[in-house]
Amino acid sequence: MLSETLPILGSCRVEVSGWDEDEIFFVEKSELSWDDFAGKHIALKHMLGDGDLVFIRMLQPTSLQRSFPIAYETEFIACDAHGSHEFRLNAVQPRHGRNCFPVN
């Protein structure tokens, strides 16, 4: 059986933080990869639910300035051979609560 590997268009080291499925805060380093087919994806030791928020901060060892974290929603893809959980990262959409507050 032949398997086809999709080319990775880019990758970089990142720091991922958020709350896992047990509602425990974590910070974990990972490789952020992206391609035209699957979009942005990461592998983590922590399990997250679909739609959970994580914050991704690029690790730039040559830069003296810290990058700012960007929020993403997670979408579980699968577990890999090493036991890591693979997730697709989706842009965060504004969430509107039921309560509307007037703005002065």
N, C-alpha and C. Protein backbone atom coordinates (compact mmCIF):
# COMPACT_ATOMS: atom_id res chain seq x y z
N MET A 1 0.85 -1.19 0.00
CA MET A 1 0.00 0.00 0.00
C MET A 1 0.89 1.25 0.00
N LEU A 2 0.62 2.14 -0.89
CA LEU A 2 1.41 3.37 -0.99
C LEU A 2 0.78 4.45 -0.14
N SER A 3 1.61 5.23 0.49
CA SER A 3 1.09 6.38 1.23
C SER A 3 1.67 7.63 0.63
N GLU A 4 0.85 8.63 0.49
CA GLU A 4 1.28 9.90 -0.10
C GLU A 4 1.47 10.90 1.02
N THR A 5 2.62 11.56 1.02
CA THR A 5 2.90 12.57 2.03
C THR A 5 2.65 13.95 1.43
N LEU A 6 1.88 14.76 2.13
CA LEU A 6 1.64 16.13 1.67
C LEU A 6 2.84 17.00 2.01
N PRO A 7 3.28 17.82 1.10
CA PRO A 7 4.43 18.68 1.40
C PRO A 7 4.06 19.74 2.44
N ILE A 8 4.98 19.96 3.36
CA ILE A 8 4.79 21.01 4.36
C ILE A 8 5.36 22.29 3.77
N LEU A 9 4.54 23.32 3.72
CA LEU A 9 4.98 24.58 3.16
C LEU A 9 5.76 25.42 4.16
N GLY A 10 5.57 25.16 5.44
CA GLY A 10 6.29 25.93 6.44
C GLY A 10 6.16 25.31 7.81
N SER A 11 7.12 25.63 8.67
CA SER A 11 7.05 25.19 10.06
C SER A 11 7.95 26.09 10.90
N CYS A 12 7.62 26.16 12.18
CA CYS A 12 8.44 26.93 13.12
C CYS A 12 8.15 26.44 14.53
N ARG A 13 9.09 26.69 15.43
CA ARG A 13 8.93 26.32 16.84
C ARG A 13 8.02 27.34 17.50
N VAL A 14 7.09 26.84 18.32
CA VAL A 14 6.15 27.71 19.01
C VAL A 14 5.97 27.25 20.46
N GLU A 15 5.44 28.15 21.25
CA GLU A 15 5.02 27.85 22.62
C GLU A 15 3.50 27.88 22.61
N VAL A 16 2.90 26.81 23.09
CA VAL A 16 1.44 26.68 23.12
C VAL A 16 1.01 26.72 24.58
N SER A 17 -0.01 27.52 24.90
CA SER A 17 -0.54 27.55 26.26
C SER A 17 -2.06 27.55 26.20
N GLY A 18 -2.65 27.08 27.29
CA GLY A 18 -4.10 27.02 27.37
C GLY A 18 -4.51 26.10 28.50
N TRP A 19 -5.75 25.64 28.47
CA TRP A 19 -6.28 24.73 29.47
C TRP A 19 -6.63 23.43 28.78
N ASP A 20 -6.14 22.31 29.34
CA ASP A 20 -6.41 21.02 28.72
C ASP A 20 -7.80 20.52 29.07
N GLU A 21 -8.12 19.28 28.65
CA GLU A 21 -9.46 18.75 28.86
C GLU A 21 -9.80 18.58 30.35
N ASP A 22 -8.78 18.54 31.22
CA ASP A 22 -9.01 18.46 32.67
C ASP A 22 -9.03 19.84 33.31
N GLU A 23 -9.04 20.89 32.49
CA GLU A 23 -9.05 22.28 32.92
C GLU A 23 -7.80 22.65 33.72
N ILE A 24 -6.68 22.04 33.34
CA ILE A 24 -5.38 22.34 33.95
C ILE A 24 -4.59 23.18 32.96
N PHE A 25 -4.08 24.32 33.44
CA PHE A 25 -3.30 25.21 32.58
C PHE A 25 -1.99 24.54 32.22
N PHE A 26 -1.57 24.66 30.96
CA PHE A 26 -0.32 24.08 30.51
C PHE A 26 0.42 25.05 29.59
N VAL A 27 1.72 24.86 29.51
CA VAL A 27 2.57 25.54 28.53
C VAL A 27 3.45 24.45 27.95
N GLU A 28 3.45 24.35 26.62
CA GLU A 28 4.19 23.27 25.95
C GLU A 28 4.81 23.80 24.66
N LYS A 29 6.03 23.38 24.39
CA LYS A 29 6.67 23.74 23.12
C LYS A 29 6.29 22.72 22.07
N SER A 30 6.10 23.19 20.83
CA SER A 30 5.69 22.32 19.74
C SER A 30 6.20 22.89 18.42
N GLU A 31 5.97 22.15 17.37
CA GLU A 31 6.29 22.59 16.02
C GLU A 31 4.97 22.94 15.34
N LEU A 32 4.84 24.18 14.91
CA LEU A 32 3.67 24.62 14.15
C LEU A 32 4.00 24.41 12.68
N SER A 33 3.16 23.64 12.00
CA SER A 33 3.35 23.38 10.58
C SER A 33 2.12 23.85 9.83
N TRP A 34 2.30 24.20 8.57
CA TRP A 34 1.16 24.61 7.76
C TRP A 34 1.38 24.20 6.31
N ASP A 35 0.26 23.94 5.66
CA ASP A 35 0.27 23.64 4.23
C ASP A 35 -1.07 24.09 3.64
N ASP A 36 -1.16 24.03 2.33
CA ASP A 36 -2.37 24.50 1.65
C ASP A 36 -3.58 23.61 1.91
N PHE A 37 -3.36 22.33 2.16
CA PHE A 37 -4.47 21.40 2.33
C PHE A 37 -5.01 21.38 3.76
N ALA A 38 -4.13 21.18 4.75
CA ALA A 38 -4.56 21.00 6.14
C ALA A 38 -4.56 22.28 6.95
N GLY A 39 -3.97 23.36 6.46
CA GLY A 39 -3.89 24.59 7.22
C GLY A 39 -2.81 24.48 8.29
N LYS A 40 -3.03 25.14 9.43
CA LYS A 40 -2.06 25.14 10.53
C LYS A 40 -2.36 23.95 11.44
N HIS A 41 -1.30 23.26 11.89
CA HIS A 41 -1.49 22.14 12.78
C HIS A 41 -0.29 21.97 13.71
N ILE A 42 -0.58 21.39 14.89
CA ILE A 42 0.42 21.16 15.93
C ILE A 42 0.18 19.78 16.55
N ALA A 43 1.18 19.28 17.26
CA ALA A 43 1.06 18.05 18.03
C ALA A 43 1.41 18.39 19.48
N LEU A 44 0.56 17.93 20.41
CA LEU A 44 0.75 18.22 21.84
C LEU A 44 0.66 16.96 22.66
N LYS A 45 1.29 16.98 23.84
CA LYS A 45 1.14 15.90 24.81
C LYS A 45 -0.21 15.99 25.50
N HIS A 46 -0.73 17.19 25.63
CA HIS A 46 -2.01 17.43 26.31
C HIS A 46 -3.18 17.20 25.36
N MET A 47 -4.26 16.63 25.88
CA MET A 47 -5.47 16.44 25.09
C MET A 47 -6.37 17.66 25.28
N LEU A 48 -6.93 18.14 24.17
CA LEU A 48 -7.82 19.29 24.18
C LEU A 48 -9.12 18.90 23.50
N GLY A 49 -10.19 19.63 23.81
CA GLY A 49 -11.46 19.39 23.15
C GLY A 49 -11.58 20.22 21.89
N ASP A 50 -12.47 19.80 20.99
CA ASP A 50 -12.73 20.60 19.80
C ASP A 50 -13.27 21.96 20.20
N GLY A 51 -12.73 23.00 19.63
CA GLY A 51 -13.17 24.36 19.92
C GLY A 51 -12.50 24.99 21.12
N ASP A 52 -11.61 24.25 21.81
CA ASP A 52 -10.88 24.84 22.94
C ASP A 52 -9.94 25.93 22.41
N LEU A 53 -9.71 26.93 23.24
CA LEU A 53 -8.80 28.02 22.87
C LEU A 53 -7.39 27.69 23.34
N VAL A 54 -6.42 27.95 22.47
CA VAL A 54 -5.01 27.88 22.83
C VAL A 54 -4.36 29.17 22.35
N PHE A 55 -3.25 29.50 22.95
CA PHE A 55 -2.50 30.69 22.59
C PHE A 55 -1.15 30.24 22.05
N ILE A 56 -0.83 30.68 20.84
CA ILE A 56 0.39 30.28 20.16
C ILE A 56 1.33 31.48 20.11
N ARG A 57 2.55 31.26 20.58
CA ARG A 57 3.58 32.31 20.54
C ARG A 57 4.79 31.74 19.81
N MET A 58 5.23 32.44 18.78
CA MET A 58 6.40 31.99 18.03
C MET A 58 7.65 32.14 18.88
N LEU A 59 8.52 31.13 18.82
CA LEU A 59 9.80 31.17 19.50
C LEU A 59 10.85 31.56 18.47
N GLN A 60 11.43 32.71 18.69
CA GLN A 60 12.42 33.23 17.75
C GLN A 60 13.75 33.38 18.48
N PRO A 61 14.60 32.37 18.42
CA PRO A 61 15.84 32.43 19.19
C PRO A 61 16.78 33.56 18.79
N THR A 62 16.67 34.09 17.57
CA THR A 62 17.56 35.16 17.15
C THR A 62 17.01 36.54 17.47
N SER A 63 15.76 36.60 17.90
CA SER A 63 15.14 37.89 18.16
C SER A 63 15.23 38.25 19.64
N LEU A 64 15.48 39.51 19.91
CA LEU A 64 15.53 39.98 21.29
C LEU A 64 14.15 40.33 21.82
N GLN A 65 13.19 40.53 20.92
CA GLN A 65 11.83 40.87 21.33
C GLN A 65 10.98 39.61 21.41
N ARG A 66 10.11 39.57 22.42
CA ARG A 66 9.17 38.45 22.54
C ARG A 66 8.00 38.69 21.60
N SER A 67 7.56 37.62 20.98
CA SER A 67 6.38 37.75 20.12
C SER A 67 5.13 37.66 20.99
N PHE A 68 4.02 38.21 20.50
CA PHE A 68 2.77 38.19 21.24
C PHE A 68 1.99 36.93 20.88
N PRO A 69 1.31 36.32 21.85
CA PRO A 69 0.52 35.12 21.55
C PRO A 69 -0.72 35.45 20.72
N ILE A 70 -1.10 34.50 19.87
CA ILE A 70 -2.29 34.62 19.04
C ILE A 70 -3.22 33.47 19.41
N ALA A 71 -4.51 33.77 19.59
CA ALA A 71 -5.50 32.76 19.99
C ALA A 71 -5.99 31.98 18.77
N TYR A 72 -6.15 30.66 18.97
CA TYR A 72 -6.71 29.76 17.95
C TYR A 72 -7.67 28.79 18.63
N GLU A 73 -8.61 28.28 17.86
CA GLU A 73 -9.47 27.19 18.31
C GLU A 73 -8.89 25.88 17.80
N THR A 74 -8.98 24.83 18.63
CA THR A 74 -8.42 23.54 18.25
C THR A 74 -9.48 22.64 17.62
N GLU A 75 -9.00 21.78 16.73
CA GLU A 75 -9.83 20.75 16.12
C GLU A 75 -9.00 19.47 16.14
N PHE A 76 -9.45 18.47 16.92
CA PHE A 76 -8.68 17.22 17.06
C PHE A 76 -8.64 16.49 15.72
N ILE A 77 -7.43 16.02 15.35
CA ILE A 77 -7.25 15.26 14.11
C ILE A 77 -7.04 13.78 14.43
N ALA A 78 -6.00 13.48 15.22
CA ALA A 78 -5.66 12.08 15.52
C ALA A 78 -4.52 12.04 16.52
N CYS A 79 -4.16 10.84 16.95
CA CYS A 79 -2.97 10.62 17.75
C CYS A 79 -1.89 10.07 16.83
N ASP A 80 -0.64 10.53 17.03
CA ASP A 80 0.44 10.03 16.17
C ASP A 80 1.10 8.80 16.82
N ALA A 81 2.10 8.27 16.14
CA ALA A 81 2.77 7.05 16.61
C ALA A 81 3.52 7.25 17.92
N HIS A 82 3.81 8.51 18.28
CA HIS A 82 4.54 8.82 19.51
C HIS A 82 3.61 9.11 20.68
N GLY A 83 2.30 9.02 20.46
CA GLY A 83 1.32 9.28 21.52
C GLY A 83 0.94 10.74 21.66
N SER A 84 1.40 11.58 20.75
CA SER A 84 1.01 12.99 20.79
C SER A 84 -0.35 13.17 20.13
N HIS A 85 -1.06 14.20 20.55
CA HIS A 85 -2.37 14.53 19.99
C HIS A 85 -2.19 15.60 18.92
N GLU A 86 -2.68 15.34 17.73
CA GLU A 86 -2.54 16.28 16.63
C GLU A 86 -3.81 17.11 16.50
N PHE A 87 -3.62 18.42 16.30
CA PHE A 87 -4.74 19.35 16.20
C PHE A 87 -4.57 20.27 15.00
N ARG A 88 -5.68 20.60 14.38
CA ARG A 88 -5.73 21.68 13.38
C ARG A 88 -6.06 22.94 14.15
N LEU A 89 -5.46 24.05 13.76
CA LEU A 89 -5.73 25.33 14.41
C LEU A 89 -6.59 26.18 13.49
N ASN A 90 -7.68 26.69 14.03
CA ASN A 90 -8.60 27.53 13.26
C ASN A 90 -8.64 28.93 13.86
N ALA A 91 -8.82 29.90 13.00
CA ALA A 91 -8.92 31.29 13.46
C ALA A 91 -10.08 31.41 14.44
N VAL A 92 -9.88 32.22 15.45
CA VAL A 92 -10.92 32.42 16.47
C VAL A 92 -11.99 33.35 15.91
N GLN A 93 -13.23 32.93 16.04
CA GLN A 93 -14.37 33.75 15.64
C GLN A 93 -14.92 34.44 16.89
N PRO A 94 -15.36 35.69 16.79
CA PRO A 94 -15.92 36.37 17.96
C PRO A 94 -17.10 35.58 18.53
N ARG A 95 -17.12 35.47 19.84
CA ARG A 95 -18.22 34.78 20.52
C ARG A 95 -19.07 35.83 21.21
N HIS A 96 -20.32 35.86 20.88
CA HIS A 96 -21.23 36.83 21.47
C HIS A 96 -22.09 36.13 22.52
N GLY A 97 -22.11 36.72 23.70
CA GLY A 97 -22.94 36.18 24.76
C GLY A 97 -24.38 36.56 24.57
N ARG A 98 -25.22 36.03 25.40
CA ARG A 98 -26.65 36.33 25.32
C ARG A 98 -26.96 37.73 25.81
N ASN A 99 -26.11 38.22 26.72
CA ASN A 99 -26.35 39.54 27.28
C ASN A 99 -25.75 40.61 26.37
N CYS A 100 -26.52 41.62 26.10
CA CYS A 100 -26.02 42.76 25.33
C CYS A 100 -25.92 43.94 26.28
N PHE A 101 -24.80 44.59 26.25
CA PHE A 101 -24.58 45.72 27.13
C PHE A 101 -24.48 46.98 26.28
N PRO A 102 -25.21 48.02 26.66
CA PRO A 102 -25.13 49.26 25.88
C PRO A 102 -23.75 49.91 26.07
N VAL A 103 -23.28 50.52 25.02
CA VAL A 103 -21.99 51.20 25.06
C VAL A 103 -22.29 52.70 25.04
N ASN A 104 -21.72 53.41 25.99
CA ASN A 104 -21.94 54.85 26.05
C ASN A 104 -20.92 55.59 25.26
